[in-house]
Structure formats: structure tokens, C-alpha cells
Protein backbone atom coordinates (compact mmCIF):
# COMPACT_ATOMS: atom_id res chain seq x y z
CA MET A 1 8.55 -19.31 -111.73
CA SER A 2 9.57 -17.67 -107.97
CA ASP A 3 9.47 -19.95 -105.04
CA HIS A 4 8.41 -18.58 -101.40
CA ILE A 5 9.11 -20.35 -98.40
CA ARG A 6 6.72 -21.66 -95.69
CA GLY A 7 6.08 -19.58 -92.60
CA THR A 8 7.41 -16.37 -94.49
CA GLN A 9 5.91 -13.30 -96.16
CA ALA A 10 5.42 -13.56 -99.84
CA ILE A 11 5.06 -10.36 -101.92
CA PHE A 12 3.39 -10.57 -105.33
CA ALA A 13 3.55 -7.53 -107.87
CA ALA A 14 1.49 -6.52 -110.95
CA GLU A 15 1.79 -3.82 -113.46
CA PHE A 16 -1.63 -2.51 -115.31
CA PHE A 17 -0.62 -0.01 -118.35
CA ASP A 18 -2.68 0.72 -121.39
CA PHE A 19 -1.02 0.36 -124.86
CA ASP A 20 0.00 3.78 -124.73
CA GLY A 21 1.97 3.17 -121.55
CA ALA A 22 -0.48 5.32 -119.38
CA PRO A 23 -1.61 3.68 -116.01
CA MET A 24 -5.08 2.13 -115.84
CA THR A 25 -7.42 3.85 -113.47
CA PRO A 26 -9.39 0.95 -111.31
CA ALA A 27 -13.42 1.36 -111.53
CA ASP A 28 -13.03 1.01 -107.82
CA ALA A 29 -9.99 1.50 -105.80
CA GLU A 30 -11.32 -0.78 -102.89
CA SER A 31 -12.30 -3.57 -105.23
CA TRP A 32 -9.88 -3.76 -107.99
CA PRO A 33 -7.19 -5.23 -108.72
CA ALA A 34 -8.87 -8.24 -107.36
CA VAL A 35 -6.35 -11.06 -106.25
CA VAL A 36 -6.91 -14.80 -105.74
CA ILE A 37 -4.49 -17.38 -104.71
CA ARG A 38 -5.01 -20.96 -105.72
CA ASP A 39 -3.13 -24.19 -104.50
CA PRO A 40 -2.14 -26.96 -106.66
CA ASP A 41 -5.28 -28.52 -106.72
CA GLY A 42 -7.21 -25.29 -107.91
CA THR A 43 -8.50 -24.72 -104.33
CA VAL A 44 -8.61 -20.95 -103.47
CA VAL A 45 -6.89 -20.41 -100.41
CA VAL A 46 -7.06 -16.70 -100.04
CA THR A 47 -8.71 -13.44 -101.74
CA GLY A 48 -8.00 -10.04 -101.67
CA VAL A 49 -7.39 -6.62 -103.26
CA GLY A 50 -4.10 -5.39 -104.33
CA MET A 51 -2.02 -2.24 -102.81
CA LYS A 52 -1.21 0.67 -104.81
CA ILE A 53 2.49 1.40 -104.49
CA ALA A 54 2.66 3.84 -107.53
CA ASP A 55 0.54 4.59 -110.68
CA GLY A 56 -0.16 1.56 -112.43
CA ARG A 57 1.83 -0.87 -110.07
CA TYR A 58 0.10 -2.65 -106.94
CA GLN A 59 1.55 -5.27 -104.69
CA PHE A 60 0.00 -8.04 -102.58
CA GLY A 61 1.19 -9.70 -99.45
CA TRP A 62 0.20 -13.07 -98.22
CA PHE A 63 1.99 -15.15 -95.32
CA VAL A 64 2.84 -18.49 -96.54
CA PRO A 65 1.06 -20.94 -93.85
CA THR A 66 3.64 -23.53 -92.61
CA SER A 67 0.84 -26.13 -93.43
CA ALA A 68 0.83 -24.96 -97.17
CA THR A 69 1.20 -27.42 -99.64
CA MET A 70 4.63 -27.73 -101.07
CA THR A 71 5.40 -27.47 -104.98
CA ALA A 72 5.25 -30.99 -106.79
CA GLU A 73 6.87 -31.37 -110.31
CA GLY A 74 4.22 -29.78 -112.92
CA LEU A 75 1.57 -28.59 -109.97
CA PRO A 76 2.40 -24.98 -109.15
CA TRP A 77 0.66 -22.70 -107.11
CA THR A 78 -1.19 -19.58 -109.01
CA ILE A 79 -2.35 -16.12 -108.22
CA ASP A 80 -4.88 -14.69 -110.45
CA TRP A 81 -5.04 -10.50 -110.86
CA SER A 82 -8.08 -9.24 -112.31
CA PHE A 83 -8.57 -5.38 -113.13
CA VAL A 84 -11.55 -3.49 -114.16
CA THR A 85 -10.97 0.00 -115.46
CA SER A 86 -12.97 3.09 -114.96
CA ASN A 87 -14.33 2.99 -118.81
CA GLY A 88 -15.49 -0.56 -118.34
CA HIS A 89 -12.24 -2.24 -119.72
CA THR A 90 -11.11 -5.70 -118.19
CA ARG A 91 -7.64 -7.24 -118.02
CA ALA A 92 -6.47 -10.21 -116.05
CA GLU A 93 -3.16 -12.00 -115.19
CA THR A 94 -1.80 -15.33 -113.73
CA GLU A 95 1.28 -15.89 -112.36
CA LYS A 96 2.71 -19.26 -111.39
CA PHE A 97 4.81 -19.83 -108.16
CA GLY A 98 6.26 -22.34 -106.04
CA VAL A 99 5.76 -23.03 -102.13
CA VAL A 100 8.93 -24.73 -100.42
CA ASP A 101 10.09 -25.48 -97.09
CA ARG A 102 12.81 -23.87 -95.43
CA ILE A 103 15.60 -26.03 -96.14
CA GLU A 104 18.53 -23.75 -97.46
CA SER A 105 21.98 -25.05 -96.77
CA THR A 106 23.53 -24.38 -93.68
CA PRO A 107 27.11 -23.59 -92.76
CA GLU A 108 27.50 -27.43 -91.13
CA GLU A 109 27.14 -28.85 -94.99
CA ARG A 110 30.33 -27.55 -95.74
CA SER A 111 31.75 -30.71 -93.71
CA HIS A 112 28.87 -32.66 -93.98
CA THR A 113 28.41 -32.86 -90.10
CA TYR A 114 25.19 -31.55 -88.48
CA LEU A 115 24.65 -30.74 -84.75
CA THR A 116 22.02 -30.88 -82.41
CA ASN A 117 21.09 -30.66 -78.54
CA ASN A 118 20.46 -33.60 -76.65
CA GLY A 119 16.79 -34.71 -77.68
CA GLY A 120 16.78 -32.49 -80.56
CA THR A 121 15.98 -33.26 -84.28
CA ILE A 122 17.90 -32.39 -87.52
CA ARG A 123 16.77 -32.07 -91.05
CA ALA A 124 19.20 -34.16 -93.19
CA THR A 125 19.52 -32.76 -96.79
CA ILE A 126 21.24 -33.73 -100.03
CA ARG A 127 21.09 -31.71 -103.55
CA SER A 128 21.11 -33.20 -107.08
CA GLU A 129 20.89 -31.56 -110.43
CA ARG A 130 18.57 -34.19 -111.79
CA LYS A 131 15.71 -36.20 -110.35
CA LEU A 132 16.97 -39.25 -108.73
CA GLU A 133 15.81 -42.65 -109.60
CA GLU A 134 16.11 -43.87 -105.86
CA VAL A 135 16.93 -42.80 -102.38
CA VAL A 136 17.39 -44.73 -99.49
CA LEU A 137 18.47 -43.21 -96.23
CA THR A 138 19.90 -45.71 -93.43
CA VAL A 139 20.46 -44.20 -89.96
CA LYS A 140 23.16 -45.43 -87.69
CA ASN A 141 24.17 -45.61 -84.12
CA THR A 142 27.92 -44.61 -83.30
CA GLY A 143 28.90 -48.40 -83.01
CA GLY A 144 27.45 -48.82 -86.83
CA GLY A 145 24.52 -50.54 -85.88
CA THR A 146 21.24 -49.62 -88.00
CA LEU A 147 18.56 -47.90 -86.35
CA TYR A 148 16.08 -47.61 -88.78
CA THR A 149 15.85 -47.25 -92.83
CA VAL A 150 13.97 -44.71 -94.76
CA ALA A 151 13.11 -46.24 -98.43
CA GLY A 152 10.85 -44.05 -100.86
CA VAL A 153 10.25 -40.89 -101.75
CA ALA A 154 7.27 -38.42 -101.35
CA THR A 155 7.19 -35.53 -104.00
CA ASN A 156 4.37 -34.24 -101.95
CA ALA A 157 5.80 -33.45 -98.61
CA VAL A 158 4.51 -35.60 -95.83
CA GLN A 159 6.49 -34.38 -92.89
CA SER A 160 7.97 -37.60 -92.63
CA ASN A 161 9.98 -38.15 -89.66
CA ASN A 162 11.06 -41.12 -87.12
CA ALA A 163 7.47 -41.02 -85.22
CA ASN A 164 5.85 -41.46 -88.55
CA PRO A 165 5.45 -45.09 -89.70
CA ASN A 166 5.30 -44.35 -93.22
CA ARG A 167 8.69 -43.14 -93.34
CA LEU A 168 9.65 -41.44 -96.70
CA VAL A 169 12.19 -39.01 -97.88
CA ASN A 170 10.97 -35.70 -99.16
CA GLU A 171 11.31 -34.48 -102.35
CA VAL A 172 11.45 -30.77 -103.52
CA ALA A 173 12.11 -28.86 -106.93
CA GLN A 174 14.14 -25.85 -106.06
CA ASP A 175 16.30 -23.41 -107.82
CA GLY A 176 16.87 -25.67 -110.79
CA GLU A 177 17.64 -28.53 -108.58
CA TYR A 178 16.31 -31.36 -106.66
CA LEU A 179 16.69 -31.50 -102.65
CA TYR A 180 15.69 -34.63 -100.51
CA TYR A 181 15.45 -34.29 -97.03
CA TYR A 182 14.40 -36.04 -93.58
CA ASP A 183 13.99 -35.00 -90.16
CA VAL A 184 16.05 -37.36 -88.29
CA GLY A 185 15.00 -37.39 -84.70
CA PRO A 186 14.69 -37.12 -81.56
CA LEU A 187 18.18 -37.87 -80.98
CA THR A 188 19.78 -38.60 -77.54
CA SER A 189 23.40 -37.48 -76.80
CA GLY A 190 26.20 -39.24 -79.13
CA GLU A 191 27.02 -39.68 -82.68
CA TYR A 192 25.03 -40.83 -85.47
CA GLN A 193 25.88 -41.73 -89.23
CA LEU A 194 23.33 -41.15 -92.05
CA HIS A 195 23.98 -43.28 -95.17
CA TRP A 196 22.30 -41.66 -98.28
CA ASN A 197 22.14 -44.68 -101.09
CA ILE A 198 21.26 -43.12 -104.39
CA LEU A 199 20.44 -44.25 -107.97
CA GLU A 200 20.47 -41.49 -110.41
CA SER A 201 18.90 -43.59 -113.37
CA VAL A 202 18.11 -47.16 -113.79
CA VAL A 203 21.37 -47.87 -115.85
CA SER A 204 23.93 -45.86 -113.29
CA GLU A 205 25.86 -46.72 -110.31
CA ARG A 206 24.79 -46.49 -107.11
CA HIS A 207 26.53 -43.76 -105.02
CA VAL A 208 26.83 -43.68 -100.90
CA ILE A 209 26.76 -40.02 -99.50
CA VAL A 210 27.61 -40.56 -95.63
CA GLN A 211 26.70 -37.60 -93.25
CA ILE A 212 27.57 -37.54 -89.68
CA VAL A 213 25.22 -36.60 -86.71
CA ARG A 214 26.40 -35.39 -83.27
CA ALA A 215 23.87 -34.85 -80.39
CA ALA A 216 25.87 -32.85 -77.89
CA PRO A 217 25.23 -33.28 -74.20
CA ASP A 218 23.72 -30.03 -72.56
CA ILE A 219 26.81 -29.01 -70.50
CA PHE A 220 28.37 -28.40 -74.15
CA TRP A 221 26.39 -25.18 -74.53
CA HIS A 222 28.13 -23.93 -71.58
CA TYR A 223 31.52 -24.55 -73.19
CA ASN A 224 30.31 -23.29 -76.46
CA ALA A 225 29.73 -19.70 -75.12
CA GLU A 226 32.96 -19.69 -73.08
CA LEU A 227 35.06 -20.83 -75.88
CA ARG A 228 33.44 -18.22 -78.29
CA THR A 229 34.32 -15.83 -75.72
CA LEU A 230 38.07 -16.59 -76.28
CA ILE A 231 38.31 -17.11 -79.99
CA ASP A 232 35.36 -14.86 -81.29
CA LYS A 233 36.99 -11.49 -80.99
CA LEU A 234 36.75 -10.53 -84.61
CA GLN A 235 32.59 -10.60 -84.33
CA LYS A 236 32.68 -13.27 -86.98
CA SER A 237 29.04 -13.69 -88.69
CA GLN A 238 27.45 -17.04 -89.34
CA SER A 239 27.17 -15.96 -93.20
CA ILE A 240 30.99 -15.73 -93.86
CA GLN A 241 33.31 -18.56 -94.54
CA GLN A 242 35.73 -18.04 -91.54
CA ALA A 243 32.91 -18.04 -89.17
CA TYR A 244 33.16 -20.73 -86.18
CA THR A 245 30.09 -23.10 -86.42
CA ASP A 246 28.40 -24.93 -83.39
CA ALA A 247 29.45 -27.83 -85.03
CA ASP A 248 33.10 -26.75 -85.51
CA VAL A 249 33.10 -25.62 -81.93
CA TYR A 250 31.89 -29.11 -80.62
CA SER A 251 34.78 -30.76 -82.53
CA TYR A 252 37.30 -28.60 -81.19
CA VAL A 253 36.00 -29.18 -77.45
CA LYS A 254 36.07 -32.89 -78.27
CA GLY A 255 39.95 -32.72 -79.61
CA GLY A 256 40.48 -30.41 -76.61
CA LEU A 257 38.95 -33.19 -74.21
CA ASP A 258 41.38 -36.02 -75.75
CA ILE A 259 44.27 -33.58 -75.16
CA LEU A 260 43.30 -33.23 -71.83
CA ASN A 261 42.88 -37.24 -71.28
CA PHE A 262 46.34 -37.60 -72.75
CA TYR A 263 48.21 -35.65 -70.25
CA ASN A 264 49.88 -37.98 -67.62
CA PRO A 265 48.46 -39.71 -65.79
CA PRO A 266 46.04 -41.07 -68.82
CA THR A 267 42.37 -40.45 -67.83
CA ASP A 268 39.10 -41.39 -69.25
CA PHE A 269 37.04 -38.15 -68.75
CA VAL A 270 33.79 -37.19 -70.83
CA LEU A 271 32.53 -33.89 -70.90
CA GLY A 272 29.68 -34.55 -68.26
CA ASP A 273 32.60 -35.49 -65.71
CA ILE A 274 34.09 -31.77 -65.64
CA PRO A 275 31.89 -29.55 -63.56
CA LEU A 276 31.43 -25.96 -64.37
CA THR A 277 32.38 -25.02 -60.94
CA GLY A 278 35.01 -26.48 -58.65
CA SER A 279 37.06 -28.44 -61.37
CA ARG A 280 40.28 -27.52 -59.82
CA GLY A 281 41.56 -26.02 -63.04
CA LEU A 282 39.97 -28.93 -65.45
CA ARG A 283 37.40 -26.81 -67.44
CA THR A 284 39.90 -23.69 -68.09
CA ALA A 285 42.32 -26.30 -69.46
CA LEU A 286 39.71 -27.81 -71.47
CA ILE A 287 38.86 -24.63 -72.59
CA TYR A 288 42.38 -23.74 -73.54
CA THR A 289 43.37 -27.14 -75.42
CA SER A 290 40.04 -26.58 -77.21
CA ALA A 291 41.08 -23.22 -78.27
CA ILE A 292 44.24 -24.44 -79.88
CA HIS A 293 42.38 -26.79 -82.27
CA ALA A 294 40.10 -23.69 -83.16
CA ILE A 295 43.13 -21.37 -83.79
CA ASN A 296 44.83 -24.02 -85.66
CA ALA A 297 42.11 -24.47 -87.99
CA GLN A 298 41.88 -20.68 -88.34
CA GLN A 299 45.60 -20.52 -89.19
CA ILE A 300 45.40 -23.28 -91.77
CA LEU A 301 42.26 -21.70 -93.21
CA GLU A 302 43.74 -18.08 -93.38
CA ILE A 303 47.04 -19.85 -94.91
CA GLU A 304 44.83 -21.24 -97.53
CA LEU A 305 43.13 -17.83 -98.67
CA SER A 306 46.36 -15.67 -97.90
CA PHE A 307 47.37 -13.12 -100.58
CA ASP A 308 49.62 -10.31 -101.62
CA HIS A 309 48.75 -7.57 -104.12
CA SER A 310 50.80 -4.91 -105.26
CA GLY A 311 49.22 -2.02 -107.17
CA GLN A 312 50.70 1.16 -108.42
CA THR A 313 50.57 3.06 -105.20
CA VAL A 314 49.71 0.40 -102.74
CA THR A 315 50.70 -2.72 -101.45
CA LEU A 316 48.11 -4.98 -99.49
CA GLY A 317 49.15 -7.88 -97.43
CA TYR A 318 46.83 -10.49 -95.66
CA ASN A 319 48.24 -12.74 -93.28
CA HIS A 320 47.71 -13.39 -89.55
CA ASP A 321 50.31 -14.80 -87.36
CA TYR A 322 48.61 -17.00 -84.20
CA SER A 323 51.93 -18.32 -82.94
CA GLY A 324 52.22 -16.19 -79.90
CA VAL A 325 48.84 -16.93 -79.03
CA LEU A 326 49.18 -20.68 -79.45
CA SER A 327 52.53 -20.47 -77.40
CA ASN A 328 50.92 -18.61 -74.41
CA LEU A 329 48.22 -21.22 -74.43
CA GLN A 330 50.87 -24.10 -74.63
CA ALA A 331 52.71 -22.36 -71.81
CA VAL A 332 49.42 -22.38 -69.46
CA LEU A 333 48.62 -26.11 -70.33
CA GLU A 334 52.44 -27.11 -69.37
CA ARG A 335 51.68 -25.69 -66.03
CA PHE A 336 48.50 -27.56 -65.90
CA ALA A 337 50.24 -30.82 -67.25
CA GLU A 338 52.73 -30.63 -64.12
CA SER A 339 49.67 -30.32 -61.69
CA LYS A 340 47.26 -33.08 -63.30
CA MET A 341 48.81 -35.64 -61.15
CA HIS A 342 47.72 -33.85 -58.20
CA ILE A 343 44.29 -33.22 -59.36
CA PHE A 344 43.87 -36.68 -60.11
CA ARG A 345 45.10 -37.96 -56.71
CA LYS A 346 42.95 -35.37 -55.13
CA SER A 347 39.74 -36.55 -57.11
CA GLN A 348 40.60 -40.33 -56.43
CA GLY A 349 41.48 -40.10 -52.82
CA ALA A 350 44.48 -40.69 -50.75
CA ALA A 351 43.78 -44.54 -50.46
CA PHE A 352 43.11 -47.40 -52.44
CA SER A 353 41.21 -50.70 -51.71
CA GLY A 354 43.03 -54.11 -51.71
CA ALA A 355 42.00 -57.43 -51.39
CA ARG A 356 43.96 -60.76 -50.22
CA ILE A 357 42.88 -63.51 -52.47
CA LYS A 358 41.52 -66.68 -50.51
CA ASN A 359 43.76 -68.97 -52.28
CA TYR A 360 47.04 -70.73 -51.20
CA ARG A 361 48.77 -69.98 -54.30
CA TRP A 362 48.22 -66.39 -53.73
CA THR A 363 48.19 -65.85 -49.83
CA ASN A 364 51.23 -63.35 -50.00
CA ARG A 365 50.00 -60.92 -52.83
CA VAL A 366 47.38 -57.90 -52.30
CA PHE A 367 45.55 -56.78 -55.38
CA ARG A 368 44.44 -53.15 -55.68
CA LEU A 369 40.74 -52.46 -56.27
CA ASP A 370 39.71 -49.59 -58.43
CA ARG A 371 36.26 -48.45 -59.29
CA SER A 372 36.13 -50.25 -62.36
CA LEU A 373 38.06 -53.14 -61.68
CA ARG A 374 40.48 -52.44 -64.49
CA GLY A 375 43.93 -53.29 -64.53
CA ILE A 376 43.45 -56.42 -61.89
CA VAL A 377 45.92 -58.87 -63.39
CA PRO A 378 46.38 -61.57 -62.64
CA PRO A 379 43.54 -62.74 -62.04
CA GLY A 380 40.61 -61.00 -64.11
CA GLY A 381 37.88 -59.42 -62.38
CA ALA A 382 35.45 -62.29 -62.24
CA ALA A 383 38.26 -64.87 -61.12
CA LEU A 384 39.06 -62.34 -58.53
CA TRP A 385 35.93 -62.41 -56.73
CA ARG A 386 35.36 -66.12 -57.35
CA ASN A 387 39.02 -66.57 -55.52
CA LEU A 388 37.54 -64.14 -52.76
CA GLY A 389 34.85 -66.58 -52.22
CA ILE A 390 32.06 -63.75 -53.56
């Protein structure tokens, strides 16, 4: 039984030949073969006439609606073909097929990480070779706090999501496997955890699968394009193993930002703090530190995939050395590290506010005040304001 994806064009084919192998001739080419498509409940969804593509061979095209009922176990869709020949003979055939949602694996699944935009929604999925006895999905925020729990499985998709009070995980039988999915979102910028608690049978142990969801801030997509301009010169395609996915690039940018903050003086920059223009070199430094992460990942992958093949007349070698590129990037970043102190001072201003505490024990001491009151020791921020009489 073949499966067809909602929102795509499905093509059905049928052949009509007699016992001698000769193609049958329809009594009326505009009426036969007649086609009827029925949903799992037996309701007629569409009717039509097959199109002749060769003698005895016909096709029928049907655009599967996005709202079409998805196939549940034991409840397939059917397409009925009926044919009346020019000499009055009849013939009928019925074909079963399934309707599934567009839930194929994406490259992000190789690392169990999903990426979406700020305010976006992702479709989280898990696969199983057998029908699961129990599936519970818990969605947690960055701090580990539970946002909500989804318990229960719908074998006939209900398009459950965060806005639906009757939350259910959807189950679909596809390609000899069972696929479970749930639409998570909309999500604000940040990181989330998806905990799938599954039970294969009533006597099996429980298993927990943890997936990470990242909702990138809007400014990331500018860096995504710029970083790809630097590292994607091989025109990598999303369909090949060595491609950089958006989830990969976001991970590299986060790592690059950590390096940027590590350079002296230590800073707490977040992605939104670095403007696209007028950043005094911070934007380019972030792209270069992110590129180091990306190229190192590429180098590790190619080492894993490296091979040498010697034939009778030819020797093939596969080995890319990125050490020169990494050295050039590192040299530029060393110059940036020397200048970061000046950039930091310029962004913070030349002067700092200070306060003399109104207390006889501290009359000879002046404490610097920064924007966040961090580093004021002694005393702490609350005690400082109290001693100042505020």
C-alpha cells in the first residue's frame, strides 16, 4: 500500500488488458475508466475519468487536500477503477492507499536539535519500529521548568498543538514504522527541552528521549547569511551529509559568541547587543569566531570520512587541510583581542560613577557604580543604597 502526502499531487495508475494481452478499448473514452476515491469512512471524496497515457494504460491525478483525513491502522483510503469495453464487458479494480502528513526526517534530527525563529513553531517527532503502548511529551524551558505536558495518543490526527486544550500526540503508520509527532509553539527566543517518555509495551522499561529546541533571535538570520557566505563556498546542499544546517550554524554562532566574551576584558554580550552596523569590529569578529567552530566541525567530519583507494592505474586521495584557513582567522582574531579593551572602554564611556558611603566607618572609601551594581564589594548593592540613605 502506497502513501501520499497531504498537500501534494498523488498519481494513480491502472492497466486494462484482456486475457490475450491486448489493450481493452473503452466504450466511451470520455467516460471510462471511471475513478472514485473514498476516504476511510467510505465517503466519496472525488470522482473522475482516467487519462490515457498508452494503449491499455491510464493515470489519474489527485491533489491531496491538506485537511484530508490521515490513515489510521486498518482504515485505508481506496481508489476504485471501473472499465466498460466497446463490446460490453466490464472490469473493476480497487487499490488501497494511505494519506500521511509531511513529517519526513530533517537534517536537524541527526543531532536531536530543532531550530525555529522567534515566535515560530516546530514539529517534534520520534520514530518506533513498533506501536508504542504509551507516549508522554513534556516541554521544559531553559531553566528546566515544565511548561506543559502532553499525554495521550491520537491515531487519527487532530492537529493538536499548544493552543488546543485537548493536547494529544499524533500517531501515523508510515513506511513500516510508527511515527509520533507534536507541534510545539509558538516559541519565544530561547532554548527548550522536549522529554519524550515512552513505553513500548506494558512489561517493558520506560525510555526517555530528550530533544533540544532553539528559537533563534531575529538578528541571528543576518549572521546566518553572512557566515554561510564565508563557509559555504562548496555550494553544499541540504540533502548531503556534509551540509551546514541552520541548526548547525546557530550552534557555531553561540560558540563564537562565547569566544568573543572570553577575550579580555570578559564581557556578557548577547547576540542582540552587537549591531549589524557601527559595531567597531565586533560583528566581523563574531563571524570569524563562528567560522572557526564551523571549519573545525568540517575538518573533524572529513577526517572521519577520509579514505585512500589504490587501483591498478589510479590512486585516489580524499583529504582537505583547513589549517591554513584557521591560522588566518586566528591571526585576525589576535589583533581583535588586542583591540577589545579599547572597544570596551569606548562603548562604556571614559568615566565611571562613584559614591562615598554615608557611614563613619566608610568615610574614606569611594565605590565605583556600574550599570548592574555587580562587583560592588563591600558592601552589596542593597547595603550600599541603605548606607547612602536612599
